[in-house]
Amino acid sequence: MSHQRYEFARRKCIASLPENVKRLFQFVESKELTLADEALSENHYIQLLQQHSPVLEAADKFKMEPAEVYTAVQRIERYLEDRAASYENKLKFFDMTEELQLHGLCQCNDNVKYYYFYDNN
């Protein structure tokens, strides 16, 4: 559950970024995830990153210098690490599985749980 909480917090932090910064970061992250999905091993992933650099592609798309893109992405990742961890600790969550089952809104399945995240910020 803590991984899901962290991912939820991270997505909220990304959504709060200025639009141009958010688009740059999401572009690079999307390219990295695509390459990770294609990779057969960690070494293959590194080779794919070198052959199809998300930073170089972003530099071309956003009309920036590669060093600017790299620095911006690193800065955003540091921000997300700090901010998402802090935000995650403030999140409250409730297991809604039984409530949803009582009202017939979900199937009875022991392997699936339904949670409600509450952001009191």
Protein backbone atom coordinates (compact mmCIF):
# COMPACT_ATOMS: atom_id res chain seq x y z
CA MET A 1 0.00 0.00 0.00
CA SER A 2 2.81 2.45 0.71
CA HIS A 3 3.96 2.26 -2.93
CA GLN A 4 0.47 3.28 -4.08
CA ARG A 5 0.39 6.10 -1.54
CA TYR A 6 3.75 7.35 -2.75
CA GLU A 7 2.69 7.15 -6.41
CA PHE A 8 -0.53 9.02 -5.65
CA ALA A 9 1.45 11.72 -3.82
CA ARG A 10 3.98 11.89 -6.66
CA ARG A 11 1.25 12.31 -9.31
CA LYS A 12 -0.34 15.11 -7.26
CA CYS A 13 3.05 16.85 -7.00
CA ILE A 14 3.63 16.51 -10.75
CA ALA A 15 0.18 17.96 -11.40
CA SER A 16 1.09 21.01 -9.31
CA LEU A 17 4.14 21.86 -11.44
CA PRO A 18 3.98 24.82 -13.85
CA GLU A 19 2.57 23.63 -17.19
CA ASN A 20 5.77 23.97 -19.25
CA VAL A 21 7.87 22.21 -16.59
CA LYS A 22 5.25 19.48 -16.21
CA ARG A 23 5.13 18.83 -19.98
CA LEU A 24 8.92 18.59 -20.18
CA PHE A 25 9.14 16.20 -17.25
CA GLN A 26 6.25 14.02 -18.45
CA PHE A 27 7.77 13.82 -21.93
CA VAL A 28 11.14 12.61 -20.60
CA GLU A 29 9.55 10.25 -18.08
CA SER A 30 7.26 8.76 -20.72
CA LYS A 31 10.19 8.12 -23.05
CA GLU A 32 12.19 6.52 -20.22
CA LEU A 33 9.29 4.24 -19.28
CA THR A 34 8.78 3.20 -22.90
CA LEU A 35 12.44 2.26 -23.18
CA ALA A 36 12.28 0.41 -19.85
CA ASP A 37 9.33 -1.62 -21.15
CA GLU A 38 11.28 -2.52 -24.31
CA ALA A 39 14.47 -3.45 -22.46
CA LEU A 40 15.31 -7.09 -21.90
CA SER A 41 17.79 -6.37 -19.11
CA GLU A 42 19.31 -3.50 -17.18
CA ASN A 43 22.25 -3.33 -19.59
CA HIS A 44 19.86 -3.34 -22.55
CA TYR A 45 17.96 -0.44 -20.95
CA ILE A 46 21.18 1.56 -20.65
CA GLN A 47 21.96 0.85 -24.30
CA LEU A 48 18.48 1.99 -25.32
CA LEU A 49 18.89 5.19 -23.30
CA GLN A 50 22.14 5.88 -25.13
CA GLN A 51 20.65 5.12 -28.55
CA HIS A 52 17.33 6.94 -28.02
CA SER A 53 18.15 9.56 -25.42
CA PRO A 54 14.97 11.00 -23.88
CA VAL A 55 16.98 14.10 -22.94
CA LEU A 56 18.09 14.70 -26.53
CA GLU A 57 14.57 14.07 -27.84
CA ALA A 58 13.16 16.51 -25.28
CA ALA A 59 15.81 19.10 -26.17
CA ASP A 60 14.76 18.87 -29.81
CA LYS A 61 11.03 18.94 -29.08
CA PHE A 62 11.15 21.79 -26.55
CA LYS A 63 13.87 23.79 -28.35
CA MET A 64 16.27 23.62 -25.41
CA GLU A 65 19.89 22.69 -24.93
CA PRO A 66 20.36 19.07 -23.75
CA ALA A 67 22.20 20.29 -20.64
CA GLU A 68 19.20 22.50 -19.78
CA VAL A 69 16.84 19.56 -20.13
CA TYR A 70 19.06 17.32 -18.03
CA THR A 71 19.41 19.94 -15.29
CA ALA A 72 15.67 20.66 -15.29
CA VAL A 73 14.74 16.98 -15.05
CA GLN A 74 17.24 16.41 -12.23
CA ARG A 75 15.87 19.42 -10.35
CA ILE A 76 12.29 18.19 -10.81
CA GLU A 77 13.20 14.69 -9.62
CA ARG A 78 14.84 16.09 -6.47
CA TYR A 79 11.77 18.26 -5.86
CA LEU A 80 9.47 15.26 -6.31
CA GLU A 81 11.52 13.08 -3.96
CA ASP A 82 11.30 15.68 -1.20
CA ARG A 83 7.78 16.89 -1.82
CA ALA A 84 6.12 13.53 -2.55
CA ALA A 85 7.57 11.92 0.58
CA SER A 86 6.35 14.82 2.70
CA TYR A 87 2.95 14.85 1.01
CA GLU A 88 2.62 11.07 1.36
CA ASN A 89 2.95 11.37 5.13
CA LYS A 90 0.04 13.83 5.22
CA LEU A 91 -2.29 11.56 3.23
CA LYS A 92 -5.01 9.70 5.05
CA PHE A 93 -6.53 6.62 3.53
CA PHE A 94 -9.50 4.46 4.35
CA ASP A 95 -10.20 0.87 3.37
CA MET A 96 -13.58 1.12 1.65
CA THR A 97 -13.77 -2.53 0.54
CA GLU A 98 -16.45 -3.70 3.00
CA GLU A 99 -18.57 -0.58 2.52
CA LEU A 100 -18.56 -1.00 -1.25
CA GLN A 101 -19.36 -4.70 -0.95
CA LEU A 102 -22.29 -3.98 1.40
CA HIS A 103 -23.81 -1.65 -1.19
CA GLY A 104 -23.14 -4.07 -4.06
CA LEU A 105 -20.74 -1.68 -5.74
CA CYS A 106 -17.92 -4.19 -6.09
CA GLN A 107 -17.39 -7.92 -6.39
CA CYS A 108 -16.42 -9.95 -3.35
CA ASN A 109 -12.80 -10.79 -4.02
CA ASP A 110 -10.27 -11.39 -1.27
CA ASN A 111 -7.41 -10.28 -3.53
CA VAL A 112 -8.81 -6.81 -4.28
CA LYS A 113 -9.02 -3.94 -1.83
CA TYR A 114 -10.54 -0.50 -2.44
CA TYR A 115 -9.03 2.51 -0.73
CA TYR A 116 -10.06 6.13 -0.53
CA PHE A 117 -7.21 8.62 -0.26
CA TYR A 118 -8.03 11.77 1.64
CA ASP A 119 -5.96 14.85 0.98
CA ASN A 120 -6.58 17.30 3.80
CA ASN A 121 -4.31 19.96 2.27
